[in-house]
Amino acid sequence: SLYIYEFNRRIGPYYVDLTQVPYLDAVYFTVVLAICAWLIYRSVQTWKIRSLGTILPKDDPCIKHSGTNIEHINKIYVVENLPTSFVDGFSNIFLQKTYSGQQMYQIFLHEAEHINLHHAAVKCVFSIMLVVYWWNPLLWLAFRYMVRDLELACDEKVVRDFDGAEKKAYAHALVSCGMQRKTVLSCPLALGEIDVKE
């Protein structure tokens, strides 16, 4: 702060007149359109997965007795060869089909918390900010950590009432279902496990 004060006192504040940069507006809006096109493409790819899955009824005994709020959940899809389980912005849950029903149940608890905590809306608003302020690297870094924190918030909510054995089984389910995942970080309305180590 002292160096900045001395610089301003002796030389004065330094301003860059961006209006003199040629084609700056064209560059800005070109990048905005490119990011929007990429996000739309990623969203469409995510929505196409619906046709590959089978719908799990919400009156399934495991779902009904899960203890979590399911009234805000639209549909639950079970999809084979899904890289990662995730939630889309329309309150649909997409679950990896695994050999263990217990693992699917535990992953369901995690994804249901995304809906109950309205994480898709938070990520959508932040994605809009990224589109507008794409030139700010700190905002991209903040976005990365914000998505990680949303995932950890769901984990903490799920294991809050678990005992040691249940926490261990839950962690094992996250790792085994997430090791081959592909990130859905670039989809503005989808949330999926992106940091298995954490």
N, C-alpha and C. Protein backbone atom coordinates (compact mmCIF):
# COMPACT_ATOMS: atom_id res chain seq x y z
N SER A 1 0.83 -1.20 0.00
CA SER A 1 0.00 0.00 0.00
C SER A 1 0.86 1.26 0.00
N LEU A 2 2.00 1.20 0.71
CA LEU A 2 2.89 2.36 0.77
C LEU A 2 3.48 2.66 -0.61
N TYR A 3 3.88 1.61 -1.34
CA TYR A 3 4.45 1.82 -2.68
C TYR A 3 3.40 2.43 -3.62
N ILE A 4 2.17 1.92 -3.54
CA ILE A 4 1.10 2.47 -4.40
C ILE A 4 0.83 3.93 -4.05
N TYR A 5 0.85 4.24 -2.74
CA TYR A 5 0.63 5.62 -2.32
C TYR A 5 1.71 6.54 -2.86
N GLU A 6 2.98 6.10 -2.75
CA GLU A 6 4.09 6.92 -3.23
C GLU A 6 4.02 7.11 -4.74
N PHE A 7 3.63 6.04 -5.46
CA PHE A 7 3.51 6.13 -6.92
C PHE A 7 2.45 7.16 -7.29
N ASN A 8 1.30 7.10 -6.62
CA ASN A 8 0.20 8.03 -6.93
C ASN A 8 0.56 9.47 -6.52
N ARG A 9 1.33 9.59 -5.42
CA ARG A 9 1.68 10.94 -4.97
C ARG A 9 2.66 11.61 -5.92
N ARG A 10 3.62 10.83 -6.43
CA ARG A 10 4.66 11.42 -7.29
C ARG A 10 4.25 11.49 -8.75
N ILE A 11 3.64 10.48 -9.24
CA ILE A 11 3.34 10.40 -10.68
C ILE A 11 1.85 10.60 -10.95
N GLY A 12 1.02 10.18 -9.99
CA GLY A 12 -0.41 10.28 -10.20
C GLY A 12 -0.97 8.95 -10.69
N PRO A 13 -2.26 8.73 -10.53
CA PRO A 13 -2.86 7.46 -10.97
C PRO A 13 -2.73 7.29 -12.47
N TYR A 14 -2.55 6.05 -12.89
CA TYR A 14 -2.35 5.75 -14.31
C TYR A 14 -3.60 5.05 -14.84
N TYR A 15 -4.16 5.58 -15.89
CA TYR A 15 -5.37 5.03 -16.48
C TYR A 15 -5.09 4.58 -17.92
N VAL A 16 -5.76 3.51 -18.30
CA VAL A 16 -5.67 3.03 -19.67
C VAL A 16 -7.00 3.35 -20.35
N ASP A 17 -6.94 4.04 -21.45
CA ASP A 17 -8.15 4.38 -22.21
C ASP A 17 -8.46 3.22 -23.15
N LEU A 18 -9.37 2.33 -22.71
CA LEU A 18 -9.68 1.15 -23.52
C LEU A 18 -10.46 1.49 -24.79
N THR A 19 -11.01 2.70 -24.85
CA THR A 19 -11.74 3.09 -26.06
C THR A 19 -10.80 3.22 -27.25
N GLN A 20 -9.49 3.34 -26.97
CA GLN A 20 -8.52 3.47 -28.05
C GLN A 20 -8.03 2.13 -28.58
N VAL A 21 -8.41 1.03 -27.91
CA VAL A 21 -8.00 -0.30 -28.37
C VAL A 21 -8.89 -0.71 -29.53
N PRO A 22 -8.31 -1.00 -30.70
CA PRO A 22 -9.15 -1.31 -31.87
C PRO A 22 -9.89 -2.65 -31.71
N TYR A 23 -11.14 -2.66 -32.11
CA TYR A 23 -11.97 -3.86 -32.15
C TYR A 23 -12.15 -4.53 -30.79
N LEU A 24 -12.01 -3.77 -29.71
CA LEU A 24 -12.14 -4.37 -28.38
C LEU A 24 -13.56 -4.91 -28.15
N ASP A 25 -14.56 -4.14 -28.56
CA ASP A 25 -15.95 -4.59 -28.41
C ASP A 25 -16.20 -5.87 -29.19
N ALA A 26 -15.65 -5.95 -30.40
CA ALA A 26 -15.84 -7.15 -31.23
C ALA A 26 -15.21 -8.37 -30.56
N VAL A 27 -14.03 -8.19 -30.00
CA VAL A 27 -13.35 -9.30 -29.31
C VAL A 27 -14.17 -9.74 -28.10
N TYR A 28 -14.64 -8.77 -27.32
CA TYR A 28 -15.41 -9.09 -26.10
C TYR A 28 -16.66 -9.89 -26.45
N PHE A 29 -17.45 -9.40 -27.39
CA PHE A 29 -18.71 -10.07 -27.73
C PHE A 29 -18.48 -11.39 -28.46
N THR A 30 -17.39 -11.51 -29.19
CA THR A 30 -17.06 -12.79 -29.83
C THR A 30 -16.81 -13.86 -28.78
N VAL A 31 -16.05 -13.49 -27.75
CA VAL A 31 -15.77 -14.45 -26.68
C VAL A 31 -17.05 -14.78 -25.91
N VAL A 32 -17.89 -13.78 -25.65
CA VAL A 32 -19.17 -14.02 -24.96
C VAL A 32 -20.01 -15.01 -25.74
N LEU A 33 -20.12 -14.81 -27.05
CA LEU A 33 -20.93 -15.72 -27.88
C LEU A 33 -20.32 -17.12 -27.91
N ALA A 34 -18.99 -17.20 -27.94
CA ALA A 34 -18.33 -18.51 -27.95
C ALA A 34 -18.60 -19.26 -26.65
N ILE A 35 -18.53 -18.56 -25.53
CA ILE A 35 -18.81 -19.21 -24.24
C ILE A 35 -20.26 -19.65 -24.15
N CYS A 36 -21.18 -18.79 -24.61
CA CYS A 36 -22.60 -19.15 -24.60
C CYS A 36 -22.88 -20.37 -25.47
N ALA A 37 -22.24 -20.42 -26.65
CA ALA A 37 -22.43 -21.57 -27.54
C ALA A 37 -21.92 -22.84 -26.89
N TRP A 38 -20.78 -22.75 -26.21
CA TRP A 38 -20.21 -23.93 -25.53
C TRP A 38 -21.11 -24.41 -24.41
N LEU A 39 -21.64 -23.47 -23.61
CA LEU A 39 -22.52 -23.84 -22.50
C LEU A 39 -23.81 -24.46 -23.00
N ILE A 40 -24.35 -23.92 -24.09
CA ILE A 40 -25.57 -24.49 -24.66
C ILE A 40 -25.31 -25.89 -25.19
N TYR A 41 -24.18 -26.06 -25.86
CA TYR A 41 -23.81 -27.38 -26.38
C TYR A 41 -23.68 -28.39 -25.25
N ARG A 42 -22.99 -28.01 -24.17
CA ARG A 42 -22.82 -28.91 -23.03
C ARG A 42 -24.16 -29.24 -22.38
N SER A 43 -25.05 -28.24 -22.30
CA SER A 43 -26.36 -28.48 -21.70
C SER A 43 -27.18 -29.45 -22.54
N VAL A 44 -27.15 -29.28 -23.87
CA VAL A 44 -27.90 -30.18 -24.76
C VAL A 44 -27.37 -31.60 -24.64
N GLN A 45 -26.03 -31.75 -24.58
CA GLN A 45 -25.44 -33.07 -24.42
C GLN A 45 -25.90 -33.73 -23.12
N THR A 46 -26.02 -32.92 -22.08
CA THR A 46 -26.48 -33.44 -20.80
C THR A 46 -27.93 -33.88 -20.87
N TRP A 47 -28.77 -33.07 -21.52
CA TRP A 47 -30.20 -33.39 -21.59
C TRP A 47 -30.47 -34.62 -22.45
N LYS A 48 -29.58 -34.90 -23.40
CA LYS A 48 -29.77 -36.08 -24.25
C LYS A 48 -29.69 -37.39 -23.45
N ILE A 49 -29.05 -37.32 -22.29
CA ILE A 49 -28.88 -38.53 -21.48
C ILE A 49 -30.23 -39.06 -21.00
N ARG A 50 -31.24 -38.19 -20.95
CA ARG A 50 -32.56 -38.62 -20.47
C ARG A 50 -33.07 -39.82 -21.26
N SER A 51 -32.86 -39.81 -22.57
CA SER A 51 -33.39 -40.88 -23.41
C SER A 51 -32.68 -42.21 -23.19
N LEU A 52 -31.51 -42.18 -22.53
CA LEU A 52 -30.75 -43.40 -22.32
C LEU A 52 -31.07 -44.07 -20.99
N GLY A 53 -31.80 -43.39 -20.12
CA GLY A 53 -32.04 -43.91 -18.78
C GLY A 53 -33.44 -44.46 -18.58
N THR A 54 -33.60 -45.20 -17.51
CA THR A 54 -34.91 -45.68 -17.09
C THR A 54 -35.31 -44.89 -15.85
N ILE A 55 -36.59 -44.57 -15.75
CA ILE A 55 -37.08 -43.75 -14.65
C ILE A 55 -37.30 -44.62 -13.42
N LEU A 56 -36.71 -44.20 -12.31
CA LEU A 56 -36.91 -44.87 -11.03
C LEU A 56 -38.08 -44.21 -10.34
N PRO A 57 -39.15 -44.96 -10.05
CA PRO A 57 -40.33 -44.33 -9.42
C PRO A 57 -40.01 -43.79 -8.03
N LYS A 58 -40.60 -42.64 -7.71
CA LYS A 58 -40.33 -42.03 -6.41
C LYS A 58 -40.97 -42.78 -5.25
N ASP A 59 -41.88 -43.72 -5.58
CA ASP A 59 -42.46 -44.53 -4.51
C ASP A 59 -41.66 -45.81 -4.26
N ASP A 60 -40.46 -45.89 -4.86
CA ASP A 60 -39.56 -47.00 -4.56
C ASP A 60 -39.29 -47.01 -3.06
N PRO A 61 -39.33 -48.19 -2.42
CA PRO A 61 -39.16 -48.25 -0.96
C PRO A 61 -37.90 -47.56 -0.46
N CYS A 62 -36.78 -47.72 -1.17
CA CYS A 62 -35.53 -47.09 -0.74
C CYS A 62 -35.63 -45.57 -0.80
N ILE A 63 -36.28 -45.07 -1.84
CA ILE A 63 -36.42 -43.62 -2.00
C ILE A 63 -37.39 -43.06 -0.96
N LYS A 64 -38.50 -43.76 -0.76
CA LYS A 64 -39.53 -43.29 0.16
C LYS A 64 -39.01 -43.20 1.59
N HIS A 65 -38.19 -44.16 1.96
CA HIS A 65 -37.73 -44.22 3.34
C HIS A 65 -36.31 -43.66 3.50
N SER A 66 -35.91 -42.81 2.56
CA SER A 66 -34.55 -42.26 2.62
C SER A 66 -34.42 -41.18 3.69
N GLY A 67 -35.55 -40.61 4.08
CA GLY A 67 -35.50 -39.54 5.08
C GLY A 67 -35.20 -38.18 4.50
N THR A 68 -34.98 -38.10 3.20
CA THR A 68 -34.70 -36.82 2.56
C THR A 68 -35.96 -36.29 1.89
N ASN A 69 -36.01 -34.99 1.69
CA ASN A 69 -37.18 -34.35 1.07
C ASN A 69 -37.17 -34.63 -0.43
N ILE A 70 -38.20 -35.34 -0.90
CA ILE A 70 -38.23 -35.71 -2.32
C ILE A 70 -39.33 -34.97 -3.09
N GLU A 71 -40.04 -34.08 -2.43
CA GLU A 71 -41.16 -33.41 -3.11
C GLU A 71 -40.69 -32.44 -4.19
N HIS A 72 -39.45 -31.95 -4.08
CA HIS A 72 -38.93 -31.02 -5.09
C HIS A 72 -38.25 -31.75 -6.24
N ILE A 73 -38.08 -33.05 -6.13
CA ILE A 73 -37.42 -33.82 -7.19
C ILE A 73 -38.42 -34.09 -8.30
N ASN A 74 -38.02 -33.82 -9.55
CA ASN A 74 -38.90 -34.05 -10.69
C ASN A 74 -38.90 -35.53 -11.06
N LYS A 75 -37.78 -36.02 -11.60
CA LYS A 75 -37.66 -37.42 -11.99
C LYS A 75 -36.28 -37.95 -11.62
N ILE A 76 -36.22 -39.25 -11.44
CA ILE A 76 -34.95 -39.91 -11.11
C ILE A 76 -34.65 -40.90 -12.23
N TYR A 77 -33.54 -40.68 -12.93
CA TYR A 77 -33.14 -41.54 -14.04
C TYR A 77 -31.96 -42.40 -13.60
N VAL A 78 -32.00 -43.68 -13.97
CA VAL A 78 -30.88 -44.58 -13.76
C VAL A 78 -30.31 -44.90 -15.14
N VAL A 79 -29.02 -44.59 -15.34
CA VAL A 79 -28.41 -44.69 -16.66
C VAL A 79 -27.17 -45.57 -16.59
N GLU A 80 -27.08 -46.52 -17.50
CA GLU A 80 -25.90 -47.36 -17.59
C GLU A 80 -24.76 -46.59 -18.24
N ASN A 81 -23.54 -46.89 -17.83
CA ASN A 81 -22.32 -46.30 -18.39
C ASN A 81 -22.29 -44.78 -18.26
N LEU A 82 -22.95 -44.26 -17.25
CA LEU A 82 -22.92 -42.82 -17.01
C LEU A 82 -21.60 -42.47 -16.32
N PRO A 83 -20.85 -41.48 -16.85
CA PRO A 83 -19.54 -41.17 -16.26
C PRO A 83 -19.65 -40.72 -14.80
N THR A 84 -20.68 -39.96 -14.47
CA THR A 84 -20.87 -39.50 -13.10
C THR A 84 -22.34 -39.23 -12.85
N SER A 85 -22.78 -39.43 -11.63
CA SER A 85 -24.15 -39.06 -11.27
C SER A 85 -24.21 -37.54 -11.14
N PHE A 86 -25.36 -36.97 -11.50
CA PHE A 86 -25.48 -35.51 -11.42
C PHE A 86 -26.95 -35.10 -11.36
N VAL A 87 -27.14 -33.82 -11.11
CA VAL A 87 -28.47 -33.19 -11.07
C VAL A 87 -28.50 -32.12 -12.15
N ASP A 88 -29.62 -32.03 -12.88
CA ASP A 88 -29.72 -30.93 -13.85
C ASP A 88 -30.55 -29.80 -13.25
N GLY A 89 -30.71 -28.73 -13.99
CA GLY A 89 -31.40 -27.54 -13.50
C GLY A 89 -32.90 -27.66 -13.42
N PHE A 90 -33.43 -28.81 -13.83
CA PHE A 90 -34.88 -29.03 -13.81
C PHE A 90 -35.26 -30.04 -12.73
N SER A 91 -34.42 -30.15 -11.72
CA SER A 91 -34.66 -31.03 -10.56
C SER A 91 -34.76 -32.50 -10.95
N ASN A 92 -34.04 -32.89 -12.00
CA ASN A 92 -33.93 -34.30 -12.36
C ASN A 92 -32.61 -34.85 -11.83
N ILE A 93 -32.64 -36.07 -11.32
CA ILE A 93 -31.45 -36.73 -10.82
C ILE A 93 -31.07 -37.84 -11.79
N PHE A 94 -29.80 -37.88 -12.18
CA PHE A 94 -29.27 -38.93 -13.06
C PHE A 94 -28.28 -39.75 -12.26
N LEU A 95 -28.59 -41.02 -12.05
CA LEU A 95 -27.76 -41.90 -11.24
C LEU A 95 -27.02 -42.90 -12.10
N GLN A 96 -25.77 -43.13 -11.76
CA GLN A 96 -25.03 -44.22 -12.40
C GLN A 96 -25.63 -45.55 -11.96
N LYS A 97 -25.79 -46.44 -12.92
CA LYS A 97 -26.26 -47.78 -12.58
C LYS A 97 -25.07 -48.58 -12.07
N THR A 98 -25.11 -48.97 -10.82
CA THR A 98 -24.01 -49.72 -10.22
C THR A 98 -24.53 -51.09 -9.80
N TYR A 99 -23.60 -51.97 -9.49
CA TYR A 99 -23.97 -53.31 -9.05
C TYR A 99 -24.49 -53.30 -7.61
N SER A 100 -24.17 -52.28 -6.87
CA SER A 100 -24.58 -52.21 -5.47
C SER A 100 -25.73 -51.24 -5.31
N GLY A 101 -26.88 -51.74 -4.87
CA GLY A 101 -28.02 -50.87 -4.61
C GLY A 101 -27.73 -49.89 -3.49
N GLN A 102 -26.90 -50.29 -2.53
CA GLN A 102 -26.53 -49.41 -1.42
C GLN A 102 -25.75 -48.20 -1.92
N GLN A 103 -24.86 -48.42 -2.88
CA GLN A 103 -24.10 -47.30 -3.44
C GLN A 103 -25.01 -46.33 -4.17
N MET A 104 -25.93 -46.86 -4.96
CA MET A 104 -26.86 -45.99 -5.68
C MET A 104 -27.70 -45.17 -4.70
N TYR A 105 -28.10 -45.80 -3.61
CA TYR A 105 -28.90 -45.12 -2.60
C TYR A 105 -28.10 -43.98 -1.97
N GLN A 106 -26.83 -44.23 -1.65
CA GLN A 106 -26.01 -43.20 -1.03
C GLN A 106 -25.73 -42.04 -1.99
N ILE A 107 -25.49 -42.35 -3.26
CA ILE A 107 -25.29 -41.29 -4.25
C ILE A 107 -26.58 -40.50 -4.45
N PHE A 108 -27.73 -41.18 -4.39
CA PHE A 108 -29.01 -40.48 -4.49
C PHE A 108 -29.16 -39.45 -3.38
N LEU A 109 -28.78 -39.82 -2.15
CA LEU A 109 -28.88 -38.88 -1.03
C LEU A 109 -28.07 -37.61 -1.32
N HIS A 110 -26.88 -37.79 -1.89
CA HIS A 110 -26.03 -36.65 -2.22
C HIS A 110 -26.68 -35.76 -3.27
N GLU A 111 -27.16 -36.38 -4.35
CA GLU A 111 -27.74 -35.59 -5.44
C GLU A 111 -29.05 -34.91 -5.00
N ALA A 112 -29.81 -35.56 -4.14
CA ALA A 112 -31.06 -34.95 -3.65
C ALA A 112 -30.78 -33.68 -2.86
N GLU A 113 -29.66 -33.64 -2.16
CA GLU A 113 -29.32 -32.44 -1.39
C GLU A 113 -29.02 -31.26 -2.31
N HIS A 114 -28.48 -31.51 -3.51
CA HIS A 114 -28.28 -30.41 -4.46
C HIS A 114 -29.61 -29.72 -4.76
N ILE A 115 -30.66 -30.51 -4.92
CA ILE A 115 -31.98 -29.95 -5.24
C ILE A 115 -32.55 -29.23 -4.03
N ASN A 116 -32.46 -29.85 -2.86
CA ASN A 116 -33.02 -29.24 -1.65
C ASN A 116 -32.31 -27.94 -1.27
N LEU A 117 -31.03 -27.83 -1.63
CA LEU A 117 -30.26 -26.62 -1.31
C LEU A 117 -30.23 -25.61 -2.46
N HIS A 118 -30.94 -25.91 -3.56
CA HIS A 118 -31.07 -24.99 -4.72
C HIS A 118 -29.70 -24.64 -5.33
N HIS A 119 -28.83 -25.62 -5.43
CA HIS A 119 -27.49 -25.38 -5.95
C HIS A 119 -27.48 -25.07 -7.44
N ALA A 120 -28.42 -25.62 -8.20
CA ALA A 120 -28.46 -25.35 -9.64
C ALA A 120 -28.69 -23.86 -9.92
N ALA A 121 -29.54 -23.24 -9.12
CA ALA A 121 -29.80 -21.80 -9.29
C ALA A 121 -28.55 -20.99 -8.98
N VAL A 122 -27.83 -21.40 -7.93
CA VAL A 122 -26.59 -20.70 -7.56
C VAL A 122 -25.58 -20.80 -8.69
N LYS A 123 -25.42 -22.01 -9.24
CA LYS A 123 -24.44 -22.20 -10.31
C LYS A 123 -24.85 -21.46 -11.58
N CYS A 124 -26.14 -21.39 -11.86
CA CYS A 124 -26.63 -20.68 -13.05
C CYS A 124 -26.30 -19.18 -12.95
N VAL A 125 -26.56 -18.58 -11.78
CA VAL A 125 -26.27 -17.15 -11.60
C VAL A 125 -24.77 -16.89 -11.75
N PHE A 126 -23.95 -17.78 -11.17
CA PHE A 126 -22.49 -17.61 -11.27
C PHE A 126 -22.03 -17.79 -12.70
N SER A 127 -22.69 -18.69 -13.45
CA SER A 127 -22.32 -18.90 -14.85
C SER A 127 -22.59 -17.65 -15.68
N ILE A 128 -23.70 -16.97 -15.37
CA ILE A 128 -24.01 -15.72 -16.07
C ILE A 128 -22.92 -14.68 -15.79
N MET A 129 -22.48 -14.62 -14.53
CA MET A 129 -21.39 -13.69 -14.19
C MET A 129 -20.12 -14.02 -14.96
N LEU A 130 -19.85 -15.32 -15.12
CA LEU A 130 -18.66 -15.72 -15.87
C LEU A 130 -18.75 -15.29 -17.32
N VAL A 131 -19.93 -15.40 -17.91
CA VAL A 131 -20.09 -15.00 -19.31
C VAL A 131 -19.82 -13.51 -19.46
N VAL A 132 -20.33 -12.71 -18.53
CA VAL A 132 -20.19 -11.26 -18.62
C VAL A 132 -18.76 -10.81 -18.31
N TYR A 133 -18.17 -11.43 -17.29
CA TYR A 133 -16.82 -11.03 -16.84
C TYR A 133 -15.81 -12.12 -17.15
N TRP A 134 -15.84 -12.66 -18.36
CA TRP A 134 -14.98 -13.79 -18.73
C TRP A 134 -13.51 -13.45 -18.67
N TRP A 135 -13.16 -12.18 -18.73
CA TRP A 135 -11.77 -11.77 -18.78
C TRP A 135 -11.11 -11.76 -17.40
N ASN A 136 -11.88 -12.02 -16.34
CA ASN A 136 -11.35 -11.96 -14.98
C ASN A 136 -10.93 -13.35 -14.50
N PRO A 137 -9.64 -13.65 -14.40
CA PRO A 137 -9.21 -15.00 -14.00
C PRO A 137 -9.60 -15.35 -12.57
N LEU A 138 -9.70 -14.34 -11.70
CA LEU A 138 -10.08 -14.61 -10.31
C LEU A 138 -11.51 -15.13 -10.23
N LEU A 139 -12.37 -14.68 -11.14
CA LEU A 139 -13.75 -15.14 -11.13
C LEU A 139 -13.83 -16.61 -11.55
N TRP A 140 -13.00 -17.02 -12.51
CA TRP A 140 -12.96 -18.43 -12.92
C TRP A 140 -12.44 -19.30 -11.77
N LEU A 141 -11.45 -18.81 -11.06
CA LEU A 141 -10.93 -19.55 -9.92
C LEU A 141 -11.98 -19.66 -8.82
N ALA A 142 -12.68 -18.55 -8.58
CA ALA A 142 -13.75 -18.56 -7.57
C ALA A 142 -14.86 -19.52 -7.96
N PHE A 143 -15.17 -19.59 -9.26
CA PHE A 143 -16.21 -20.50 -9.74
C PHE A 143 -15.82 -21.95 -9.47
N ARG A 144 -14.54 -22.27 -9.72
CA ARG A 144 -14.05 -23.63 -9.48
C ARG A 144 -14.20 -24.02 -8.02
N TYR A 145 -13.83 -23.12 -7.13
CA TYR A 145 -13.93 -23.42 -5.71
C TYR A 145 -15.37 -23.38 -5.21
N MET A 146 -16.20 -22.54 -5.83
CA MET A 146 -17.61 -22.49 -5.45
C MET A 146 -18.29 -23.82 -5.75
N VAL A 147 -18.02 -24.40 -6.94
CA VAL A 147 -18.61 -25.69 -7.29
C VAL A 147 -18.12 -26.77 -6.34
N ARG A 148 -16.85 -26.72 -5.99
CA ARG A 148 -16.32 -27.70 -5.03
C ARG A 148 -17.02 -27.59 -3.69
N ASP A 149 -17.25 -26.34 -3.25
CA ASP A 149 -17.91 -26.14 -1.96
C ASP A 149 -19.36 -26.63 -1.98
N LEU A 150 -20.03 -26.50 -3.12
CA LEU A 150 -21.40 -27.02 -3.23
C LEU A 150 -21.41 -28.53 -3.04
N GLU A 151 -20.41 -29.20 -3.63
CA GLU A 151 -20.32 -30.65 -3.48
C GLU A 151 -20.03 -31.05 -2.03
N LEU A 152 -19.12 -30.33 -1.41
CA LEU A 152 -18.78 -30.64 -0.02
C LEU A 152 -19.94 -30.34 0.91
N ALA A 153 -20.74 -29.32 0.60
CA ALA A 153 -21.91 -29.00 1.42
C ALA A 153 -22.91 -30.15 1.40
N CYS A 154 -23.09 -30.75 0.22
CA CYS A 154 -23.99 -31.90 0.13
C CYS A 154 -23.45 -33.08 0.92
N ASP A 155 -22.14 -33.31 0.81
CA ASP A 155 -21.54 -34.41 1.57
C ASP A 155 -21.73 -34.21 3.07
N GLU A 156 -21.50 -32.99 3.54
CA GLU A 156 -21.65 -32.73 4.97
C GLU A 156 -23.10 -32.91 5.43
N LYS A 157 -24.05 -32.49 4.58
CA LYS A 157 -25.47 -32.64 4.94
C LYS A 157 -25.85 -34.11 5.01
N VAL A 158 -25.33 -34.92 4.08
CA VAL A 158 -25.70 -36.34 4.05
C VAL A 158 -25.13 -37.09 5.25
N VAL A 159 -23.87 -36.83 5.58
CA VAL A 159 -23.21 -37.63 6.62
C VAL A 159 -23.42 -37.07 8.02
N ARG A 160 -24.22 -36.01 8.12
CA ARG A 160 -24.40 -35.35 9.42
C ARG A 160 -24.85 -36.32 10.51
N ASP A 161 -25.77 -37.23 10.17
CA ASP A 161 -26.30 -38.16 11.16
C ASP A 161 -25.77 -39.58 10.99
N PHE A 162 -24.71 -39.75 10.17
CA PHE A 162 -24.13 -41.08 9.96
C PHE A 162 -23.18 -41.44 11.10
N ASP A 163 -23.09 -42.73 11.37
CA ASP A 163 -22.04 -43.19 12.28
C ASP A 163 -20.76 -43.46 11.48
N GLY A 164 -19.72 -43.92 12.14
CA GLY A 164 -18.43 -44.10 11.48
C GLY A 164 -18.48 -45.06 10.32
N ALA A 165 -19.18 -46.19 10.49
CA ALA A 165 -19.26 -47.19 9.42
C ALA A 165 -20.02 -46.65 8.21
N GLU A 166 -21.09 -45.91 8.48
CA GLU A 166 -21.89 -45.35 7.38
C GLU A 166 -21.10 -44.28 6.63
N LYS A 167 -20.33 -43.49 7.34
CA LYS A 167 -19.50 -42.48 6.68
C LYS A 167 -18.45 -43.14 5.78
N LYS A 168 -17.87 -44.23 6.28
CA LYS A 168 -16.87 -44.94 5.50
C LYS A 168 -17.50 -45.51 4.23
N ALA A 169 -18.71 -46.10 4.37
CA ALA A 169 -19.39 -46.66 3.20
C ALA A 169 -19.77 -45.57 2.21
N TYR A 170 -20.18 -44.41 2.71
CA TYR A 170 -20.54 -43.29 1.85
C TYR A 170 -19.32 -42.79 1.07
N ALA A 171 -18.19 -42.64 1.77
CA ALA A 171 -16.97 -42.20 1.09
C ALA A 171 -16.55 -43.21 0.03
N HIS A 172 -16.68 -44.50 0.34
CA HIS A 172 -16.33 -45.53 -0.64
C HIS A 172 -17.23 -45.45 -1.86
N ALA A 173 -18.53 -45.17 -1.64
CA ALA A 173 -19.47 -45.05 -2.77
C ALA A 173 -19.10 -43.87 -3.67
N LEU A 174 -18.73 -42.73 -3.07
CA LEU A 174 -18.34 -41.56 -3.85
C LEU A 174 -17.11 -41.85 -4.70
N VAL A 175 -16.13 -42.49 -4.08
CA VAL A 175 -14.88 -42.77 -4.80
C VAL A 175 -15.11 -43.77 -5.93
N SER A 176 -15.81 -44.87 -5.63
CA SER A 176 -15.99 -45.91 -6.64
C SER A 176 -16.86 -45.45 -7.80
N CYS A 177 -17.82 -44.58 -7.52
CA CYS A 177 -18.71 -44.09 -8.59
C CYS A 177 -18.13 -42.88 -9.31
N GLY A 178 -17.09 -42.27 -8.74
CA GLY A 178 -16.55 -41.05 -9.34
C GLY A 178 -15.20 -41.19 -10.00
N MET A 179 -14.56 -42.35 -9.88
CA MET A 179 -13.20 -42.48 -10.41
C MET A 179 -13.13 -42.34 -11.92
N GLN A 180 -14.17 -42.78 -12.63
CA GLN A 180 -14.16 -42.72 -14.09
C GLN A 180 -15.01 -41.57 -14.61
N ARG A 181 -15.27 -40.61 -13.76
CA ARG A 181 -16.21 -39.58 -14.16
C ARG A 181 -15.63 -38.58 -15.14
N LYS A 182 -16.51 -37.88 -15.82
CA LYS A 182 -16.13 -36.71 -16.61
C LYS A 182 -16.82 -35.52 -15.96
N THR A 183 -16.14 -34.41 -15.90
CA THR A 183 -16.69 -33.29 -15.18
C THR A 183 -17.87 -32.67 -15.91
N VAL A 184 -18.83 -32.17 -15.12
CA VAL A 184 -19.93 -31.40 -15.69
C VAL A 184 -19.79 -29.94 -15.24
N LEU A 185 -18.51 -29.58 -14.97
CA LEU A 185 -18.23 -28.23 -14.51
C LEU A 185 -18.68 -27.19 -15.53
N SER A 186 -18.57 -27.49 -16.82
CA SER A 186 -18.86 -26.50 -17.85
C SER A 186 -20.33 -26.47 -18.26
N CYS A 187 -21.17 -27.25 -17.59
CA CYS A 187 -22.61 -27.18 -17.86
C CYS A 187 -23.25 -26.28 -16.80
N PRO A 188 -23.90 -25.17 -17.20
CA PRO A 188 -24.33 -24.18 -16.21
C PRO A 188 -25.42 -24.66 -15.27
N LEU A 189 -26.19 -25.71 -15.66
CA LEU A 189 -27.30 -26.14 -14.83
C LEU A 189 -27.11 -27.55 -14.28
N ALA A 190 -25.91 -28.08 -14.33
CA ALA A 190 -25.68 -29.44 -13.85
C ALA A 190 -24.64 -29.44 -12.74
N LEU A 191 -24.86 -30.35 -11.78
CA LEU A 191 -23.92 -30.49 -10.68
C LEU A 191 -23.59 -31.95 -10.51
N GLY A 192 -22.29 -32.28 -10.56
CA GLY A 192 -21.86 -33.64 -10.38
C GLY A 192 -20.54 -33.67 -9.65
N GLU A 193 -20.22 -34.79 -9.05
CA GLU A 193 -18.99 -34.91 -8.26
C GLU A 193 -17.78 -34.61 -9.14
N ILE A 194 -16.93 -33.66 -8.73
CA ILE A 194 -15.79 -33.27 -9.55
C ILE A 194 -14.48 -33.36 -8.79
N ASP A 195 -14.50 -33.65 -7.51
CA ASP A 195 -13.26 -33.66 -6.74
C ASP A 195 -13.27 -34.85 -5.80
N VAL A 196 -12.96 -36.02 -6.34
CA VAL A 196 -13.02 -37.26 -5.58
C VAL A 196 -12.04 -37.23 -4.42
N LYS A 197 -10.85 -36.70 -4.67
CA LYS A 197 -9.84 -36.67 -3.61
C LYS A 197 -10.32 -35.85 -2.42
N GLU A 198 -10.86 -34.70 -2.69
CA GLU A 198 -11.36 -33.84 -1.61
C GLU A 198 -12.47 -34.53 -0.84
